[in-house]
Amino acid sequence: MSQQTRVTKAVITAAGHGTRQYPATATIQKEMIPLVDRDGICKPTIQLIVEEALESGIEQICIVVAPGGEATFQQHFRELSPKERPAYEGKGSALQQSELLGRMRGAISYAVQQTQEGYGHAVYCARECVGDEPFLLMLGDHIYISHEERRCARQLLDVFEQHGCPVSGVAPTAASQLHAFGTVAGQPLAEDPGVYEARAIYEKPTPEHARQHLRTPGLPEETYLCFLGMHVFTPAIFDCLGEHIRDNVRERGEIQLTSAQELLRTRERYLAAQVRGSRHDMGNPEGLIETQMALATQSPFAERAQRTLRQAIGKQPP
């Protein structure tokens, strides 16, 4: 069990090439693709994720980037310069955002993934930023919309702080979608509904493998617990990743996080928790559209957006 249960650090991985969003990503980093947020303000994706972390109580954020990638983020996370400010006079929300970005800058540091060797390798690159503390891990292309007052990340942090052991956010997922997600077999905790003791962790299982090894009591047939892309880890995850890097343990040619999670599960208590909210992956064209639609329905433009969508659907041929 971790000696520290209050989590103040987060890691956001943003070192990929964004190949699924090419050719847009030929000139703009995937995490800088803009979205209109629930407050009606247009922001790059990475800012929404940073806000998720900070508004959940995180104080320090390490963004894992490709070589040279930090320059793009540093250019964004800053206040307007005295030379720039006159153009924004009278635009109150812009000046507020400028001040907010300046505060964010002070909370952000960067770690460089020198070579593309997988998601687990990217996480390992943040070990010096994290040190000997628990941390929240988030993806640089996943947006979360909570279905309750607490942010999705805060929900997961609360579970960690209650139990003091690693916990991954999960959602019930149909067997037909298992090819896209890491999957957990869990045993429900009677005293904590929606929280499960992890019994096995497996990356993108086939439905046949899941039926034999990854069933969770209480879920409907052909439904499994799959990762949401948000975890809270103890620093022991770096030991597991380090062993796999040292021993060159790879899957599909890469150092995977999921296999290190399974190793961690064998060494200390590991939980999975259903998050009351939705996960939206903007890292591909279809997901980008879906993410913006989900945000639009929560924004000041919701009524107009829904009306436009209904009109567009009505124009489709039967």
Protein backbone atom coordinates (compact mmCIF):
# COMPACT_ATOMS: atom_id res chain seq x y z
CA MET A 1 0.00 0.00 0.00
CA SER A 2 1.24 3.47 -0.81
CA GLN A 3 2.50 5.56 2.13
CA GLN A 4 0.87 8.64 0.58
CA THR A 5 -2.79 8.70 -0.40
CA ARG A 6 -3.23 12.37 -1.33
CA VAL A 7 -2.41 12.77 -5.01
CA THR A 8 -1.00 16.09 -6.20
CA LYS A 9 0.78 15.06 -9.42
CA ALA A 10 -0.50 14.05 -12.86
CA VAL A 11 1.09 12.77 -16.06
CA ILE A 12 -0.42 13.46 -19.48
CA THR A 13 1.02 11.57 -22.43
CA ALA A 14 1.23 13.66 -25.60
CA ALA A 15 4.19 12.24 -27.53
CA GLY A 16 2.41 10.52 -30.42
CA HIS A 17 2.57 11.60 -34.05
CA GLY A 18 -1.20 11.92 -34.47
CA THR A 19 -1.17 9.75 -37.58
CA ARG A 20 -4.93 9.13 -37.40
CA GLN A 21 -5.54 12.87 -37.82
CA TYR A 22 -3.16 13.39 -40.78
CA PRO A 23 -2.92 15.63 -42.79
CA ALA A 24 -4.14 18.09 -40.14
CA THR A 25 -1.32 16.88 -37.88
CA ALA A 26 1.27 17.73 -40.52
CA THR A 27 1.09 21.31 -39.24
CA ILE A 28 -0.62 21.10 -35.84
CA GLN A 29 0.04 18.78 -32.93
CA LYS A 30 -2.93 16.48 -32.30
CA GLU A 31 -3.34 17.73 -28.73
CA MET A 32 -3.56 21.31 -30.04
CA ILE A 33 -6.59 20.64 -32.25
CA PRO A 34 -9.26 23.05 -30.95
CA LEU A 35 -12.57 22.17 -29.36
CA VAL A 36 -15.37 24.44 -28.15
CA ASP A 37 -15.62 23.58 -24.46
CA ARG A 38 -18.72 23.39 -22.27
CA ASP A 39 -18.19 27.01 -21.23
CA GLY A 40 -18.41 28.12 -24.87
CA ILE A 41 -14.69 28.94 -25.12
CA CYS A 42 -12.55 27.54 -27.92
CA LYS A 43 -9.49 25.78 -26.49
CA PRO A 44 -6.90 23.28 -27.69
CA THR A 45 -7.63 19.76 -26.50
CA ILE A 46 -4.65 19.71 -24.13
CA GLN A 47 -6.06 22.65 -22.18
CA LEU A 48 -9.31 20.80 -21.48
CA ILE A 49 -7.30 17.89 -20.11
CA VAL A 50 -5.10 20.13 -17.97
CA GLU A 51 -8.25 21.77 -16.58
CA GLU A 52 -9.68 18.32 -15.75
CA ALA A 53 -6.60 17.60 -13.68
CA LEU A 54 -6.31 20.98 -11.93
CA GLU A 55 -10.01 21.18 -11.10
CA SER A 56 -9.71 17.71 -9.55
CA GLY A 57 -7.10 18.90 -7.08
CA ILE A 58 -3.88 18.16 -8.98
CA GLU A 59 -1.11 20.72 -8.39
CA GLN A 60 1.71 19.59 -10.70
CA ILE A 61 1.40 18.18 -14.21
CA CYS A 62 4.06 16.49 -16.32
CA ILE A 63 3.33 16.36 -20.05
CA VAL A 64 5.28 13.68 -21.92
CA VAL A 65 6.23 15.00 -25.36
CA ALA A 66 8.23 13.99 -28.42
CA PRO A 67 11.59 15.76 -28.94
CA GLY A 68 10.91 19.47 -29.41
CA GLY A 69 7.21 19.04 -28.63
CA GLU A 70 7.30 21.14 -25.49
CA ALA A 71 7.77 24.34 -27.50
CA THR A 72 4.21 24.14 -28.86
CA PHE A 73 2.70 23.75 -25.41
CA GLN A 74 4.90 26.44 -23.89
CA GLN A 75 3.74 28.85 -26.56
CA HIS A 76 0.13 28.18 -25.57
CA PHE A 77 0.40 27.99 -21.77
CA ARG A 78 1.41 31.60 -21.15
CA GLU A 79 -0.15 34.99 -20.53
CA LEU A 80 -0.56 37.51 -23.32
CA SER A 81 2.49 39.71 -23.65
CA PRO A 82 2.21 43.49 -23.12
CA LYS A 83 2.52 43.85 -26.90
CA GLU A 84 -0.39 41.45 -27.51
CA ARG A 85 -2.79 42.71 -24.82
CA PRO A 86 -4.07 45.86 -26.59
CA ALA A 87 -5.70 43.71 -29.30
CA TYR A 88 -7.79 42.00 -26.60
CA GLU A 89 -8.93 45.07 -24.66
CA GLY A 90 -12.66 44.84 -24.01
CA LYS A 91 -12.62 41.08 -24.51
CA GLY A 92 -13.02 40.05 -20.89
CA SER A 93 -13.11 36.30 -21.43
CA ALA A 94 -9.90 36.40 -23.45
CA LEU A 95 -8.08 38.30 -20.70
CA GLN A 96 -9.41 35.85 -18.11
CA GLN A 97 -8.13 32.96 -20.20
CA SER A 98 -4.75 34.69 -20.48
CA GLU A 99 -4.46 34.87 -16.69
CA LEU A 100 -5.59 31.25 -16.37
CA LEU A 101 -3.00 30.09 -18.90
CA GLY A 102 -0.30 31.93 -16.98
CA ARG A 103 -1.25 30.07 -13.79
CA MET A 104 -1.33 26.76 -15.68
CA ARG A 105 2.17 27.40 -16.99
CA GLY A 106 3.50 27.39 -13.44
CA ALA A 107 2.00 23.95 -12.80
CA ILE A 108 3.33 22.25 -15.95
CA SER A 109 6.67 20.56 -16.60
CA TYR A 110 7.76 18.35 -19.49
CA ALA A 111 9.41 14.97 -20.00
CA VAL A 112 10.73 13.94 -23.42
CA GLN A 113 10.18 10.51 -24.98
CA GLN A 114 13.21 10.38 -27.25
CA THR A 115 12.00 7.37 -29.28
CA GLN A 116 8.52 6.03 -29.98
CA GLU A 117 8.52 2.73 -28.10
CA GLY A 118 4.95 2.46 -26.88
CA TYR A 119 2.54 3.87 -24.32
CA GLY A 120 4.21 2.16 -21.38
CA HIS A 121 7.57 3.59 -22.44
CA ALA A 122 6.04 7.09 -22.62
CA VAL A 123 4.71 6.76 -19.07
CA TYR A 124 8.13 5.55 -17.87
CA CYS A 125 9.69 8.74 -19.23
CA ALA A 126 7.80 10.71 -16.54
CA ARG A 127 9.37 8.85 -13.62
CA GLU A 128 11.72 11.69 -12.63
CA CYS A 129 8.90 14.23 -12.68
CA VAL A 130 6.73 12.01 -10.49
CA GLY A 131 9.38 10.84 -8.06
CA ASP A 132 8.28 8.64 -5.16
CA GLU A 133 4.64 9.74 -5.16
CA PRO A 134 1.31 8.44 -6.46
CA PHE A 135 0.06 10.12 -9.61
CA LEU A 136 -2.91 10.49 -11.93
CA LEU A 137 -2.31 9.31 -15.50
CA MET A 138 -4.32 10.76 -18.39
CA LEU A 139 -4.16 10.55 -22.17
CA GLY A 140 -3.56 13.67 -24.24
CA ASP A 141 -6.44 12.96 -26.61
CA HIS A 142 -9.23 11.85 -24.21
CA ILE A 143 -11.89 14.25 -22.98
CA TYR A 144 -14.16 13.35 -20.05
CA ILE A 145 -17.65 14.63 -19.30
CA SER A 146 -18.86 13.87 -15.79
CA HIS A 147 -22.43 12.86 -15.05
CA GLU A 148 -22.21 14.26 -11.53
CA GLU A 149 -20.79 17.31 -9.76
CA ARG A 150 -17.30 15.83 -9.33
CA ARG A 151 -14.97 15.72 -12.30
CA CYS A 152 -14.25 12.22 -13.62
CA ALA A 153 -10.63 12.46 -12.45
CA ARG A 154 -11.77 13.54 -8.98
CA GLN A 155 -14.00 10.47 -8.74
CA LEU A 156 -11.01 8.22 -9.40
CA LEU A 157 -8.77 10.15 -7.02
CA ASP A 158 -11.37 9.74 -4.28
CA VAL A 159 -11.27 5.96 -4.70
CA PHE A 160 -7.47 5.97 -4.49
CA GLU A 161 -7.47 8.19 -1.43
CA GLN A 162 -9.99 5.91 0.27
CA HIS A 163 -8.20 2.63 -0.44
CA GLY A 164 -4.56 3.69 -0.93
CA CYS A 165 -3.81 1.39 -3.87
CA PRO A 166 -3.70 1.64 -7.68
CA VAL A 167 -7.06 2.15 -9.36
CA SER A 168 -8.08 2.30 -13.02
CA GLY A 169 -11.20 3.94 -14.38
CA VAL A 170 -13.41 1.47 -16.25
CA ALA A 171 -16.75 1.29 -18.03
CA PRO A 172 -18.97 -1.66 -18.98
CA THR A 173 -18.19 -2.41 -22.63
CA ALA A 174 -19.68 -4.76 -25.21
CA ALA A 175 -17.62 -7.73 -26.36
CA SER A 176 -17.63 -6.35 -29.91
CA GLN A 177 -15.47 -3.43 -28.70
CA LEU A 178 -12.81 -5.40 -26.83
CA HIS A 179 -10.35 -5.07 -29.70
CA ALA A 180 -9.92 -1.40 -28.79
CA PHE A 181 -9.41 -1.55 -25.01
CA GLY A 182 -7.49 -3.04 -22.14
CA THR A 183 -9.87 -5.17 -20.09
CA VAL A 184 -10.16 -6.02 -16.39
CA ALA A 185 -11.77 -8.99 -14.68
CA GLY A 186 -13.06 -7.69 -11.36
CA GLN A 187 -14.68 -8.90 -8.16
CA PRO A 188 -17.23 -6.36 -6.88
CA LEU A 189 -16.59 -4.84 -3.46
CA ALA A 190 -19.76 -5.29 -1.42
CA GLU A 191 -19.02 -2.21 0.68
CA ASP A 192 -18.22 0.06 -2.29
CA PRO A 193 -20.62 -0.23 -5.27
CA GLY A 194 -18.97 0.31 -8.63
CA VAL A 195 -15.51 -0.58 -7.30
CA TYR A 196 -13.89 -3.94 -8.10
CA GLU A 197 -10.91 -5.94 -6.93
CA ALA A 198 -8.90 -6.58 -10.11
CA ARG A 199 -8.32 -10.31 -10.74
CA ALA A 200 -6.77 -10.08 -14.22
CA ILE A 201 -5.73 -7.35 -16.68
CA TYR A 202 -5.35 -8.01 -20.38
CA GLU A 203 -4.73 -5.80 -23.42
CA LYS A 204 -7.33 -5.95 -26.21
CA PRO A 205 -8.53 -9.53 -25.67
CA THR A 206 -10.49 -11.53 -28.19
CA PRO A 207 -14.11 -12.20 -27.17
CA GLU A 208 -13.16 -15.86 -26.75
CA HIS A 209 -10.35 -15.02 -24.32
CA ALA A 210 -12.60 -12.62 -22.43
CA ARG A 211 -15.36 -15.22 -22.03
CA GLN A 212 -12.91 -17.67 -20.50
CA HIS A 213 -10.78 -15.36 -18.34
CA LEU A 214 -12.25 -11.86 -17.94
CA ARG A 215 -15.84 -12.20 -16.77
CA THR A 216 -16.93 -9.88 -13.94
CA PRO A 217 -19.83 -10.97 -11.68
CA GLY A 218 -22.89 -8.76 -11.95
CA LEU A 219 -22.32 -7.59 -15.53
CA PRO A 220 -24.64 -8.66 -18.37
CA GLU A 221 -23.54 -11.41 -20.72
CA GLU A 222 -20.98 -10.31 -23.31
CA THR A 223 -20.18 -7.18 -21.26
CA TYR A 224 -16.77 -6.50 -19.73
CA LEU A 225 -14.93 -3.84 -17.75
CA CYS A 226 -12.67 -1.85 -20.10
CA PHE A 227 -10.24 0.95 -19.37
CA LEU A 228 -11.27 4.58 -19.81
CA GLY A 229 -7.70 5.81 -20.24
CA MET A 230 -7.46 7.29 -16.73
CA HIS A 231 -5.56 5.67 -13.83
CA VAL A 232 -4.10 6.49 -10.44
CA PHE A 233 -0.83 4.65 -9.82
CA THR A 234 1.63 4.22 -7.01
CA PRO A 235 5.25 4.79 -8.08
CA ALA A 236 5.66 0.98 -8.15
CA ILE A 237 4.34 1.09 -11.73
CA PHE A 238 7.73 2.52 -12.75
CA ASP A 239 9.47 -0.53 -11.29
CA CYS A 240 7.24 -2.78 -13.40
CA LEU A 241 7.79 -0.73 -16.54
CA GLY A 242 11.52 -0.58 -15.87
CA GLU A 243 11.72 -4.36 -15.65
CA HIS A 244 9.92 -4.74 -18.96
CA ILE A 245 12.20 -2.20 -20.61
CA ARG A 246 15.30 -3.89 -19.20
CA ASP A 247 14.11 -7.35 -20.27
CA ASN A 248 12.72 -6.06 -23.58
CA VAL A 249 9.22 -7.37 -22.84
CA ARG A 250 7.17 -6.09 -25.76
CA GLU A 251 3.79 -6.69 -27.35
CA ARG A 252 3.34 -5.80 -31.00
CA GLY A 253 6.87 -4.39 -30.87
CA GLU A 254 6.15 -1.88 -28.07
CA ILE A 255 6.50 -1.52 -24.32
CA GLN A 256 2.88 -1.75 -23.19
CA LEU A 257 1.39 -0.20 -20.07
CA THR A 258 -1.21 -2.95 -19.72
CA SER A 259 1.33 -5.74 -19.21
CA ALA A 260 3.04 -3.64 -16.53
CA GLN A 261 -0.34 -3.10 -14.87
CA GLU A 262 -0.86 -6.86 -14.73
CA LEU A 263 2.57 -7.25 -13.15
CA LEU A 264 1.73 -4.54 -10.62
CA ARG A 265 -1.56 -6.31 -9.85
CA THR A 266 0.37 -9.41 -8.80
CA ARG A 267 2.45 -7.35 -6.36
CA GLU A 268 -0.07 -5.12 -4.63
CA ARG A 269 -3.79 -4.62 -4.33
CA TYR A 270 -5.26 -3.18 -7.52
CA LEU A 271 -8.79 -1.79 -8.01
CA ALA A 272 -10.99 -0.82 -10.92
CA ALA A 273 -13.72 1.78 -10.51
CA GLN A 274 -16.64 2.69 -12.73
CA VAL A 275 -16.53 6.40 -13.47
CA ARG A 276 -19.85 8.23 -13.62
CA GLY A 277 -19.21 10.02 -16.86
CA SER A 278 -18.31 9.53 -20.50
CA ARG A 279 -14.95 9.25 -22.26
CA HIS A 280 -14.45 10.82 -25.71
CA ASP A 281 -11.41 10.02 -27.88
CA MET A 282 -10.69 12.92 -30.24
CA GLY A 283 -7.62 11.20 -31.68
CA ASN A 284 -9.33 10.12 -34.90
CA PRO A 285 -11.73 11.96 -37.25
CA GLU A 286 -14.87 10.14 -36.14
CA GLY A 287 -13.95 10.58 -32.48
CA LEU A 288 -13.19 14.27 -32.98
CA ILE A 289 -16.69 14.86 -34.34
CA GLU A 290 -18.25 12.84 -31.53
CA THR A 291 -16.20 14.69 -28.91
CA GLN A 292 -17.25 18.09 -30.19
CA MET A 293 -20.90 17.04 -30.36
CA ALA A 294 -20.76 15.81 -26.75
CA LEU A 295 -19.22 19.09 -25.58
CA ALA A 296 -21.71 21.11 -27.65
CA THR A 297 -24.69 19.56 -25.88
CA GLN A 298 -23.25 20.85 -22.57
CA SER A 299 -22.38 24.32 -23.88
CA PRO A 300 -24.27 27.66 -24.10
CA PHE A 301 -24.86 26.73 -27.74
CA ALA A 302 -26.55 23.41 -26.88
CA GLU A 303 -30.04 24.27 -28.12
CA ARG A 304 -28.81 25.60 -31.44
CA ALA A 305 -26.37 22.69 -31.88
CA GLN A 306 -29.10 20.14 -31.25
CA ARG A 307 -31.46 21.90 -33.65
CA THR A 308 -28.78 21.93 -36.36
CA LEU A 309 -28.11 18.25 -35.80
CA ARG A 310 -31.79 17.37 -36.04
CA GLN A 311 -32.05 19.33 -39.27
CA ALA A 312 -29.01 17.56 -40.71
CA ILE A 313 -30.41 14.15 -39.81
CA GLY A 314 -33.77 15.09 -41.30
CA LYS A 315 -32.13 15.83 -44.64
CA GLN A 316 -30.65 12.35 -44.91
CA PRO A 317 -32.32 10.04 -47.42
CA PRO A 318 -34.36 7.22 -45.87
